C-alpha atoms as a PDB file:
ATOM      1  CA  MET A   1     127.275 138.056 105.256  1.00  0.00           C
ATOM      2  CA  THR A   2     124.998 135.121 105.957  1.00  0.00           C
ATOM      3  CA  LYS A   3     125.990 133.113 108.976  1.00  0.00           C
ATOM      4  CA  LYS A   4     126.434 129.398 108.316  1.00  0.00           C
ATOM      5  CA  LYS A   5     124.079 127.056 110.095  1.00  0.00           C
ATOM      6  CA  ASN A   6     125.669 124.619 112.494  1.00  0.00           C
ATOM      7  CA  THR A   7     125.170 121.190 110.891  1.00  0.00           C
ATOM      8  CA  ARG A   8     127.441 119.257 113.265  1.00  0.00           C
ATOM      9  CA  ILE A   9     125.753 116.133 114.627  1.00  0.00           C
ATOM     10  CA  GLU A  10     126.103 115.776 118.327  1.00  0.00           C
ATOM     11  CA  LEU A  11     127.875 112.470 119.025  1.00  0.00           C
ATOM     12  CA  ARG A  12     126.201 112.314 122.385  1.00  0.00           C
ATOM     13  CA  ALA A  13     122.755 112.291 120.782  1.00  0.00           C
ATOM     14  CA  TYR A  14     123.827 109.461 118.481  1.00  0.00           C
ATOM     15  CA  ASP A  15     125.277 107.508 121.385  1.00  0.00           C
ATOM     16  CA  ASP A  16     122.083 107.928 123.336  1.00  0.00           C
ATOM     17  CA  LEU A  17     120.051 106.646 120.397  1.00  0.00           C
ATOM     18  CA  PHE A  18     122.397 103.669 120.000  1.00  0.00           C
ATOM     19  CA  LYS A  19     122.113 102.832 123.677  1.00  0.00           C
ATOM     20  CA  THR A  20     118.333 103.070 123.473  1.00  0.00           C
ATOM     21  CA  ASP A  21     118.231 100.542 120.629  1.00  0.00           C
ATOM     22  CA  GLU A  22     120.494  98.182 122.543  1.00  0.00           C
ATOM     23  CA  TYR A  23     118.413  98.618 125.639  1.00  0.00           C
ATOM     24  CA  ARG A  24     115.257  97.770 123.740  1.00  0.00           C
ATOM     25  CA  LYS A  25     116.805  94.607 122.330  1.00  0.00           C
ATOM     26  CA  GLU A  26     118.013  93.512 125.731  1.00  0.00           C
ATOM     27  CA  GLU A  27     114.647  94.348 127.259  1.00  0.00           C
ATOM     28  CA  ALA A  28     112.851  92.251 124.642  1.00  0.00           C
ATOM     29  CA  LEU A  29     115.179  89.318 125.264  1.00  0.00           C
ATOM     30  CA  SER A  30     114.767  89.663 129.007  1.00  0.00           C
ATOM     31  CA  LYS A  31     111.030  89.109 128.581  1.00  0.00           C
ATOM     32  CA  ILE A  32     111.605  85.621 127.154  1.00  0.00           C
ATOM     33  CA  ARG A  33     112.553  83.154 129.838  1.00  0.00           C
ATOM     34  CA  ASP A  34     111.953  79.656 131.148  1.00  0.00           C
ATOM     35  CA  ILE A  35     109.243  79.846 133.810  1.00  0.00           C
ATOM     36  CA  PRO A  36     108.397  76.980 136.199  1.00  0.00           C
ATOM     37  CA  ILE A  37     105.163  75.396 134.970  1.00  0.00           C
ATOM     38  CA  GLU A  38     103.844  75.241 138.524  1.00  0.00           C
ATOM     39  CA  GLU A  39     103.890  79.060 138.605  1.00  0.00           C
ATOM     40  CA  ILE A  40     101.731  79.397 135.462  1.00  0.00           C
ATOM     41  CA  ASP A  41      97.930  79.484 135.748  1.00  0.00           C
ATOM     42  CA  ASP A  42      95.634  78.763 132.804  1.00  0.00           C
ATOM     43  CA  PHE A  43      93.636  81.659 131.401  1.00  0.00           C
ATOM     44  CA  PRO A  44      90.345  82.022 133.355  1.00  0.00           C
ATOM     45  CA  SER A  45      87.392  80.357 131.565  1.00  0.00           C
ATOM     46  CA  HIS A  46      89.671  79.374 128.680  1.00  0.00           C
ATOM     47  CA  PRO A  47      87.160  78.346 125.971  1.00  0.00           C
ATOM     48  CA  PHE A  48      89.471  76.173 123.872  1.00  0.00           C
ATOM     49  CA  LYS A  49      89.716  72.522 124.843  1.00  0.00           C
ATOM     50  CA  VAL A  50      93.117  70.935 125.380  1.00  0.00           C
ATOM     51  CA  LYS A  51      92.822  67.223 124.586  1.00  0.00           C
ATOM     52  CA  ASP A  52      95.301  64.408 125.129  1.00  0.00           C
ATOM     53  CA  ASP A  53      94.690  63.123 121.607  1.00  0.00           C
ATOM     54  CA  GLU A  54      96.939  62.033 118.738  1.00  0.00           C
ATOM     55  CA  ASP A  55      97.791  65.649 117.847  1.00  0.00           C
ATOM     56  CA  MET A  56      98.902  66.195 121.434  1.00  0.00           C
ATOM     57  CA  LEU A  57     101.158  63.146 121.309  1.00  0.00           C
ATOM     58  CA  GLN A  58     102.754  64.488 118.120  1.00  0.00           C
ATOM     59  CA  LEU A  59     103.339  67.843 119.816  1.00  0.00           C
ATOM     60  CA  VAL A  60     104.935  66.057 122.776  1.00  0.00           C
ATOM     61  CA  GLU A  61     107.355  64.256 120.463  1.00  0.00           C
ATOM     62  CA  SER A  62     108.141  67.507 118.648  1.00  0.00           C
ATOM     63  CA  ILE A  63     108.937  69.255 121.929  1.00  0.00           C
ATOM     64  CA  LYS A  64     111.167  66.362 123.004  1.00  0.00           C
ATOM     65  CA  ASP A  65     113.080  66.581 119.713  1.00  0.00           C
ATOM     66  CA  ARG A  66     113.294  70.338 119.178  1.00  0.00           C
ATOM     67  CA  GLY A  67     112.030  72.020 122.315  1.00  0.00           C
ATOM     68  CA  ILE A  68     109.559  74.932 122.330  1.00  0.00           C
ATOM     69  CA  ILE A  69     110.097  76.763 119.019  1.00  0.00           C
ATOM     70  CA  THR A  70     107.520  79.495 119.614  1.00  0.00           C
ATOM     71  CA  PRO A  71     107.410  80.680 123.242  1.00  0.00           C
ATOM     72  CA  ALA A  72     104.080  80.694 125.042  1.00  0.00           C
ATOM     73  CA  THR A  73     102.685  84.079 126.067  1.00  0.00           C
ATOM     74  CA  VAL A  74     102.068  84.969 129.708  1.00  0.00           C
ATOM     75  CA  ARG A  75     101.240  88.027 131.755  1.00  0.00           C
ATOM     76  CA  LEU A  76     102.418  88.725 135.284  1.00  0.00           C
ATOM     77  CA  LYS A  77      99.607  88.762 137.847  1.00  0.00           C
ATOM     78  CA  GLU A  78      99.411  90.950 140.923  1.00  0.00           C
ATOM     79  CA  ASN A  79     100.129  87.980 143.201  1.00  0.00           C
ATOM     80  CA  GLY A  80     103.431  87.296 141.427  1.00  0.00           C
ATOM     81  CA  ARG A  81     102.194  84.251 139.496  1.00  0.00           C
ATOM     82  CA  TYR A  82     101.848  84.103 135.727  1.00  0.00           C
ATOM     83  CA  GLU A  83      98.700  83.808 133.635  1.00  0.00           C
ATOM     84  CA  LEU A  84      98.882  81.880 130.368  1.00  0.00           C
ATOM     85  CA  VAL A  85      97.505  83.925 127.460  1.00  0.00           C
ATOM     86  CA  SER A  86      98.457  81.619 124.588  1.00  0.00           C
ATOM     87  CA  GLY A  87     100.195  78.262 124.583  1.00  0.00           C
ATOM     88  CA  HIS A  88      97.877  76.010 126.593  1.00  0.00           C
ATOM     89  CA  ARG A  89      98.627  73.021 124.337  1.00  0.00           C
ATOM     90  CA  ARG A  90     102.374  73.698 124.552  1.00  0.00           C
ATOM     91  CA  LYS A  91     102.113  73.850 128.333  1.00  0.00           C
ATOM     92  CA  ARG A  92     100.220  70.548 128.488  1.00  0.00           C
ATOM     93  CA  ALA A  93     102.635  68.876 126.058  1.00  0.00           C
ATOM     94  CA  SER A  94     105.596  70.071 128.126  1.00  0.00           C
ATOM     95  CA  GLU A  95     104.003  68.584 131.247  1.00  0.00           C
ATOM     96  CA  ILE A  96     103.480  65.232 129.491  1.00  0.00           C
ATOM     97  CA  ALA A  97     107.071  65.352 128.226  1.00  0.00           C
ATOM     98  CA  GLY A  98     108.235  65.731 131.810  1.00  0.00           C
ATOM     99  CA  TYR A  99     109.534  69.294 131.605  1.00  0.00           C
ATOM    100  CA  LYS A 100     109.362  71.466 134.716  1.00  0.00           C
ATOM    101  CA  THR A 101     109.611  74.810 132.892  1.00  0.00           C
ATOM    102  CA  LEU A 102     107.969  76.434 129.870  1.00  0.00           C
ATOM    103  CA  ARG A 103     109.646  78.861 127.473  1.00  0.00           C
ATOM    104  CA  CYS A 104     107.497  82.019 127.666  1.00  0.00           C
ATOM    105  CA  GLU A 105     107.348  85.621 126.554  1.00  0.00           C
ATOM    106  CA  ILE A 106     106.128  87.940 129.285  1.00  0.00           C
ATOM    107  CA  VAL A 107     103.799  90.665 127.999  1.00  0.00           C
ATOM    108  CA  ASP A 108     102.316  93.675 129.743  1.00  0.00           C
ATOM    109  CA  LEU A 109      98.581  93.496 128.955  1.00  0.00           C
ATOM    110  CA  THR A 110      95.327  94.481 130.606  1.00  0.00           C
ATOM    111  CA  ARG A 111      92.703  91.810 131.202  1.00  0.00           C
ATOM    112  CA  GLU A 112      90.773  92.950 128.108  1.00  0.00           C
ATOM    113  CA  GLU A 113      93.884  93.040 125.905  1.00  0.00           C
ATOM    114  CA  ALA A 114      94.901  89.595 127.124  1.00  0.00           C
ATOM    115  CA  THR A 115      91.439  88.209 126.348  1.00  0.00           C
ATOM    116  CA  ILE A 116      91.520  89.532 122.792  1.00  0.00           C
ATOM    117  CA  LEU A 117      95.044  88.170 122.221  1.00  0.00           C
ATOM    118  CA  MET A 118      94.057  84.793 123.687  1.00  0.00           C
ATOM    119  CA  VAL A 119      91.087  84.504 121.324  1.00  0.00           C
ATOM    120  CA  GLU A 120      93.001  85.680 118.241  1.00  0.00           C
ATOM    121  CA  SER A 121      95.955  83.348 118.843  1.00  0.00           C
ATOM    122  CA  ASN A 122      93.714  80.296 119.280  1.00  0.00           C
ATOM    123  CA  PHE A 123      91.699  81.098 116.166  1.00  0.00           C
ATOM    124  CA  GLN A 124      94.811  80.193 114.171  1.00  0.00           C
ATOM    125  CA  ARG A 125      94.107  76.534 114.931  1.00  0.00           C
ATOM    126  CA  SER A 126      92.920  74.387 112.012  1.00  0.00           C
ATOM    127  CA  GLN A 127      90.000  72.808 113.879  1.00  0.00           C
ATOM    128  CA  ILE A 128      87.768  74.704 116.276  1.00  0.00           C
ATOM    129  CA  LEU A 129      84.597  73.293 117.843  1.00  0.00           C
ATOM    130  CA  PRO A 130      81.364  75.335 117.743  1.00  0.00           C
ATOM    131  CA  SER A 131      81.381  75.543 121.555  1.00  0.00           C
ATOM    132  CA  GLU A 132      84.939  76.900 121.497  1.00  0.00           C
ATOM    133  CA  LYS A 133      84.022  79.557 118.964  1.00  0.00           C
ATOM    134  CA  ALA A 134      80.881  80.416 120.911  1.00  0.00           C
ATOM    135  CA  TYR A 135      82.623  81.195 124.184  1.00  0.00           C
ATOM    136  CA  ALA A 136      85.652  82.743 122.468  1.00  0.00           C
ATOM    137  CA  TYR A 137      83.494  85.207 120.534  1.00  0.00           C
ATOM    138  CA  LYS A 138      81.523  86.004 123.687  1.00  0.00           C
ATOM    139  CA  MET A 139      84.687  86.651 125.712  1.00  0.00           C
ATOM    140  CA  ARG A 140      86.131  88.857 122.995  1.00  0.00           C
ATOM    141  CA  LEU A 141      82.894  90.819 122.657  1.00  0.00           C
ATOM    142  CA  GLU A 142      82.750  91.459 126.406  1.00  0.00           C
ATOM    143  CA  ALA A 143      86.403  92.537 126.430  1.00  0.00           C
ATOM    144  CA  MET A 144      85.803  94.962 123.573  1.00  0.00           C
ATOM    145  CA  LYS A 145      82.791  96.442 125.349  1.00  0.00           C
ATOM    146  CA  LYS A 146      84.916  97.090 128.418  1.00  0.00           C
ATOM    147  CA  GLN A 147      87.456  98.823 126.164  1.00  0.00           C
ATOM    148  CA  GLY A 148      84.787 101.272 125.033  1.00  0.00           C
ATOM    149  CA  PHE A 149      83.318  99.831 121.821  1.00  0.00           C
ATOM    150  CA  ARG A 150      79.655 100.587 121.259  1.00  0.00           C
ATOM    151  CA  SER A 151      77.329  97.614 120.800  1.00  0.00           C
ATOM    152  CA  ASP A 152      73.839  99.145 120.967  1.00  0.00           C
ATOM    153  CA  LEU A 153      71.970  99.512 117.697  1.00  0.00           C
ATOM    154  CA  THR A 154      70.225 102.804 118.385  1.00  0.00           C
ATOM    155  CA  SER A 155      72.678 105.362 119.700  1.00  0.00           C
ATOM    156  CA  ALA A 156      75.950 104.561 117.923  1.00  0.00           C
ATOM    157  CA  PRO A 157      77.438 107.667 116.267  1.00  0.00           C
ATOM    158  CA  LEU A 158      77.615 107.849 112.493  1.00  0.00           C
ATOM    159  CA  GLY A 159      80.532 105.751 111.282  1.00  0.00           C
ATOM    160  CA  GLN A 160      80.880 103.918 114.624  1.00  0.00           C
ATOM    161  CA  LYS A 161      80.924 100.174 114.064  1.00  0.00           C
ATOM    162  CA  PHE A 162      79.222  97.811 116.460  1.00  0.00           C
ATOM    163  CA  SER A 163      81.412  95.404 118.407  1.00  0.00           C
ATOM    164  CA  VAL A 164      80.232  92.320 116.500  1.00  0.00           C
ATOM    165  CA  GLU A 165      80.918  94.071 113.204  1.00  0.00           C
ATOM    166  CA  VAL A 166      84.458  94.862 114.350  1.00  0.00           C
ATOM    167  CA  ILE A 167      84.993  91.176 115.139  1.00  0.00           C
ATOM    168  CA  ALA A 168      83.499  90.156 111.782  1.00  0.00           C
ATOM    169  CA  ASP A 169      85.921  92.454 109.939  1.00  0.00           C
ATOM    170  CA  ASN A 170      88.777  90.275 111.175  1.00  0.00           C
ATOM    171  CA  SER A 171      87.057  86.908 111.034  1.00  0.00           C
ATOM    172  CA  VAL A 172      86.018  84.287 108.500  1.00  0.00           C
ATOM    173  CA  ASP A 173      82.539  84.403 110.043  1.00  0.00           C
ATOM    174  CA  SER A 174      79.913  87.017 109.194  1.00  0.00           C
ATOM    175  CA  LYS A 175      78.270  89.272 111.774  1.00  0.00           C
ATOM    176  CA  THR A 176      75.129  87.099 111.717  1.00  0.00           C
ATOM    177  CA  GLN A 177      77.114  83.888 112.145  1.00  0.00           C
ATOM    178  CA  ILE A 178      79.079  85.343 115.059  1.00  0.00           C
ATOM    179  CA  GLN A 179      75.815  86.327 116.743  1.00  0.00           C
ATOM    180  CA  ARG A 180      74.584  82.759 116.258  1.00  0.00           C
ATOM    181  CA  TYR A 181      77.731  81.354 117.826  1.00  0.00           C
ATOM    182  CA  ILE A 182      77.338  83.632 120.849  1.00  0.00           C
ATOM    183  CA  ARG A 183      73.723  82.438 121.266  1.00  0.00           C
ATOM    184  CA  LEU A 184      75.065  78.887 121.714  1.00  0.00           C
ATOM    185  CA  THR A 185      76.505  79.902 125.089  1.00  0.00           C
ATOM    186  CA  ASN A 186      72.903  79.881 126.367  1.00  0.00           C
ATOM    187  CA  LEU A 187      72.578  76.136 125.778  1.00  0.00           C
ATOM    188  CA  VAL A 188      72.875  73.574 128.563  1.00  0.00           C
ATOM    189  CA  PRO A 189      76.117  71.536 128.300  1.00  0.00           C
ATOM    190  CA  GLU A 190      74.343  68.416 126.998  1.00  0.00           C
ATOM    191  CA  LEU A 191      72.842  70.257 124.012  1.00  0.00           C
ATOM    192  CA  LEU A 192      76.069  72.128 123.306  1.00  0.00           C
ATOM    193  CA  GLU A 193      77.914  68.801 123.241  1.00  0.00           C
ATOM    194  CA  LEU A 194      75.456  67.538 120.596  1.00  0.00           C
ATOM    195  CA  VAL A 195      76.253  70.637 118.526  1.00  0.00           C
ATOM    196  CA  ASP A 196      79.984  69.856 118.805  1.00  0.00           C
ATOM    197  CA  GLN A 197      79.257  66.295 117.681  1.00  0.00           C
ATOM    198  CA  GLY A 198      77.323  67.557 114.650  1.00  0.00           C
ATOM    199  CA  LYS A 199      74.089  65.927 115.812  1.00  0.00           C
ATOM    200  CA  ILE A 200      72.334  69.290 116.147  1.00  0.00           C
ATOM    201  CA  LYS A 201      72.947  71.898 113.469  1.00  0.00           C
ATOM    202  CA  MET A 202      73.539  75.579 114.088  1.00  0.00           C
ATOM    203  CA  ARG A 203      70.077  76.990 113.354  1.00  0.00           C
ATOM    204  CA  PRO A 204      68.085  74.469 115.417  1.00  0.00           C
ATOM    205  CA  ALA A 205      70.590  75.002 118.237  1.00  0.00           C
ATOM    206  CA  VAL A 206      70.085  78.774 118.091  1.00  0.00           C
ATOM    207  CA  GLU A 207      66.304  78.332 118.380  1.00  0.00           C
ATOM    208  CA  LEU A 208      66.752  76.079 121.416  1.00  0.00           C
ATOM    209  CA  SER A 209      69.032  78.662 123.041  1.00  0.00           C
ATOM    210  CA  TYR A 210      65.991  80.910 123.606  1.00  0.00           C
ATOM    211  CA  LEU A 211      64.334  78.310 125.868  1.00  0.00           C
ATOM    212  CA  ASP A 212      65.017  78.294 129.591  1.00  0.00           C
ATOM    213  CA  GLU A 213      67.168  75.624 131.215  1.00  0.00           C
ATOM    214  CA  GLU A 214      64.238  73.522 132.421  1.00  0.00           C
ATOM    215  CA  PHE A 215      62.755  73.078 128.951  1.00  0.00           C
ATOM    216  CA  GLN A 216      66.189  72.510 127.424  1.00  0.00           C
ATOM    217  CA  ARG A 217      66.699  69.619 129.823  1.00  0.00           C
ATOM    218  CA  ASP A 218      63.262  68.246 128.867  1.00  0.00           C
ATOM    219  CA  ILE A 219      64.495  68.234 125.271  1.00  0.00           C
ATOM    220  CA  VAL A 220      67.672  66.405 126.324  1.00  0.00           C
ATOM    221  CA  ASP A 221      65.466  63.726 127.930  1.00  0.00           C
ATOM    222  CA  GLU A 222      63.370  63.418 124.753  1.00  0.00           C
ATOM    223  CA  ILE A 223      66.502  63.082 122.640  1.00  0.00           C
ATOM    224  CA  ASP A 224      67.754  60.287 124.906  1.00  0.00           C
ATOM    225  CA  MET A 225      64.432  58.445 124.796  1.00  0.00           C
ATOM    226  CA  ASN A 226      63.773  58.799 121.068  1.00  0.00           C
ATOM    227  CA  GLU A 227      67.427  58.661 119.967  1.00  0.00           C
ATOM    228  CA  SER A 228      66.590  61.531 117.645  1.00  0.00           C
ATOM    229  CA  THR A 229      67.397  65.242 117.662  1.00  0.00           C
ATOM    230  CA  PRO A 230      64.837  67.949 116.753  1.00  0.00           C
ATOM    231  CA  SER A 231      64.738  69.457 113.277  1.00  0.00           C
ATOM    232  CA  HIS A 232      64.901  73.174 112.571  1.00  0.00           C
ATOM    233  CA  ALA A 233      61.123  73.275 112.015  1.00  0.00           C
ATOM    234  CA  GLN A 234      60.488  71.533 115.331  1.00  0.00           C
ATOM    235  CA  THR A 235      62.737  73.928 117.255  1.00  0.00           C
ATOM    236  CA  ILE A 236      60.965  76.899 115.671  1.00  0.00           C
ATOM    237  CA  LYS A 237      57.672  75.490 116.976  1.00  0.00           C
ATOM    238  CA  MET A 238      59.093  75.019 120.459  1.00  0.00           C
ATOM    239  CA  ARG A 239      60.430  78.551 120.596  1.00  0.00           C
ATOM    240  CA  LYS A 240      57.067  79.943 119.438  1.00  0.00           C
ATOM    241  CA  PHE A 241      55.201  77.979 122.137  1.00  0.00           C
ATOM    242  CA  PHE A 242      57.764  79.155 124.715  1.00  0.00           C
ATOM    243  CA  GLU A 243      57.453  82.826 123.767  1.00  0.00           C
ATOM    244  CA  ASP A 244      53.655  82.503 123.923  1.00  0.00           C
ATOM    245  CA  GLY A 245      53.912  80.951 127.386  1.00  0.00           C
ATOM    246  CA  LYS A 246      52.378  77.684 126.187  1.00  0.00           C
ATOM    247  CA  LEU A 247      55.369  75.368 126.120  1.00  0.00           C
ATOM    248  CA  THR A 248      55.109  72.343 128.412  1.00  0.00           C
ATOM    249  CA  THR A 249      56.886  69.010 128.754  1.00  0.00           C
ATOM    250  CA  GLU A 250      53.902  67.402 126.991  1.00  0.00           C
ATOM    251  CA  VAL A 251      54.089  69.860 124.094  1.00  0.00           C
ATOM    252  CA  ILE A 252      57.816  69.166 123.695  1.00  0.00           C
ATOM    253  CA  SER A 253      57.150  65.412 123.646  1.00  0.00           C
ATOM    254  CA  SER A 254      54.369  65.861 121.078  1.00  0.00           C
ATOM    255  CA  ILE A 255      56.544  67.994 118.785  1.00  0.00           C
ATOM    256  CA  MET A 256      59.487  65.622 119.065  1.00  0.00           C
ATOM    257  CA  CYS A 257      57.265  62.703 118.036  1.00  0.00           C
ATOM    258  CA  GLU A 258      56.290  64.406 114.787  1.00  0.00           C
ATOM    259  CA  GLU A 259      57.702  62.844 111.657  1.00  0.00           C
ATOM    260  CA  LYS A 260      60.560  64.855 110.218  1.00  0.00           C
ATOM    261  CA  SER A 261      61.171  65.202 106.523  1.00  0.00           C
ATOM    262  CA  ASN A 262      64.641  63.718 106.861  1.00  0.00           C
ATOM    263  CA  GLN A 263      63.257  60.712 108.757  1.00  0.00           C
ATOM    264  CA  LYS A 264      60.619  59.660 106.223  1.00  0.00           C
ATOM    265  CA  GLU A 265      61.149  56.110 105.053  1.00  0.00           C
ATOM    266  CA  LYS A 266      63.140  55.940 101.862  1.00  0.00           C
ATOM    267  CA  ILE A 267      63.187  53.136  99.322  1.00  0.00           C
ATOM    268  CA  VAL A 268      66.606  52.399  97.893  1.00  0.00           C
ATOM    269  CA  LEU A 269      66.889  50.287  94.737  1.00  0.00           C
ATOM    270  CA  ARG A 270      70.178  48.899  93.501  1.00  0.00           C
ATOM    271  CA  GLY A 271      70.694  50.359  90.063  1.00  0.00           C
ATOM    272  CA  ASP A 272      72.395  47.334  88.482  1.00  0.00           C
ATOM    273  CA  ARG A 273      69.783  44.861  89.742  1.00  0.00           C
ATOM    274  CA  VAL A 274      66.838  47.016  88.633  1.00  0.00           C
ATOM    275  CA  ARG A 275      68.396  47.777  85.252  1.00  0.00           C
ATOM    276  CA  ASN A 276      68.879  44.072  84.503  1.00  0.00           C
ATOM    277  CA  LEU A 277      65.120  43.562  84.911  1.00  0.00           C
ATOM    278  CA  ILE A 278      64.182  46.388  82.547  1.00  0.00           C
ATOM    279  CA  PRO A 279      64.124  45.823  78.760  1.00  0.00           C
ATOM    280  CA  LYS A 280      67.081  47.468  77.057  1.00  0.00           C
ATOM    281  CA  ASN A 281      64.789  49.462  74.766  1.00  0.00           C
ATOM    282  CA  ILE A 282      63.475  51.383  77.824  1.00  0.00           C
ATOM    283  CA  PRO A 283      65.622  54.553  78.270  1.00  0.00           C
ATOM    284  CA  ILE A 284      66.999  55.517  81.683  1.00  0.00           C
ATOM    285  CA  THR A 285      64.664  58.503  81.819  1.00  0.00           C
ATOM    286  CA  LYS A 286      61.667  56.129  81.667  1.00  0.00           C
ATOM    287  CA  THR A 287      62.938  53.808  84.416  1.00  0.00           C
ATOM    288  CA  GLU A 288      60.716  55.190  87.170  1.00  0.00           C
ATOM    289  CA  GLU A 289      57.606  55.040  85.007  1.00  0.00           C
ATOM    290  CA  PHE A 290      58.379  51.441  83.978  1.00  0.00           C
ATOM    291  CA  VAL A 291      58.987  50.318  87.593  1.00  0.00           C
ATOM    292  CA  CYS A 292      55.737  51.948  88.795  1.00  0.00           C
ATOM    293  CA  LYS A 293      53.684  50.294  86.048  1.00  0.00           C
ATOM    294  CA  ALA A 294      55.341  46.952  86.784  1.00  0.00           C
ATOM    295  CA  LEU A 295      54.458  47.315  90.475  1.00  0.00           C
ATOM    296  CA  GLU A 296      50.852  48.215  89.622  1.00  0.00           C
ATOM    297  CA  TYR A 297      50.613  45.111  87.429  1.00  0.00           C
ATOM    298  CA  TYR A 298      52.171  42.911  90.121  1.00  0.00           C
ATOM    299  CA  ASN A 299      49.807  44.273  92.772  1.00  0.00           C
ATOM    300  CA  LYS A 300      46.832  43.420  90.555  1.00  0.00           C
ATOM    301  CA  TYR A 301      48.244  39.913  90.117  1.00  0.00           C
ATOM    302  CA  LEU A 302      48.569  39.445  93.900  1.00  0.00           C
ATOM    303  CA  LYS A 303      45.050  40.770  94.468  1.00  0.00           C
ATOM    304  CA  ASN A 304      43.558  38.434  91.875  1.00  0.00           C
ATOM    305  CA  ARG A 305      45.455  35.452  93.288  1.00  0.00           C
ATOM    306  CA  ALA A 306      44.213  36.235  96.789  1.00  0.00           C
ATOM    307  CA  GLU A 307      40.619  36.427  95.518  1.00  0.00           C
ATOM    308  CA  ARG A 308      40.971  33.049  93.782  1.00  0.00           C
ATOM    309  CA  GLU A 309      42.287  31.439  96.943  1.00  0.00           C
ATOM    310  CA  VAL A 310      39.283  32.752  98.913  1.00  0.00           C
ATOM    311  CA  ARG A 311      36.940  31.027  96.482  1.00  0.00           C
END
């Protein structure tokens, strides 16, 4: 006769499981608390700027009305203080609002894990400056390297993705664009500020990033004097001279004085005024030809009049 298997569920095992679930819930709640702001340090070399602008004022009013809806994220440091991983704007807004504490979730993260979380959480913002992206990507790349990702292009095993490619897989920016952003961290602050202001575009900025600090500051001086930033073609020239060991302050000045295609004088004609002077039987497609012939005729008239006056 076959012996029946014992299918009785041990109540003790169920109770233990139930207690574990409860414990986990309580543990999670215990990690969210109000921490004195004076005990919270900003993340080291935090690349994202916290500005007291109109958006900040709106956040202050929101916090006054509804409090902190999403807790900031902090990690406990060895000295007993807290390090802010995400929520720098919420912390600043709380300070402006006059609060002494900040609602936070305490997480157990390594330095590298905290860096990656800090970058990812801030990339959710709608507006990010090029300089912010530059240093954020650089910090994340360095953190990933410390975690063991391979970044060299020659000895990576088959199927192993490079660090930048891993970042690109989870970013709106391509691998090439991320590499360009990281190059911007080699710019002196004055040039990087011009990139943030949109006065220097990405590719010219990348070319300038290969110059040493001394020559970059020479370029800053030229920009101030000429009130003009270098074009992509001009920065390519400068980099080539630099790599050949021939770049000097004089060469930079000479290149910067060259006429750029986007600075060539342009003639703008008001369409309605010009059209009123052109016979209606002349089609729009023939407007340029008609205007040029009219100018040629008028120039001949002026030349002939000048010759008559000389006589």
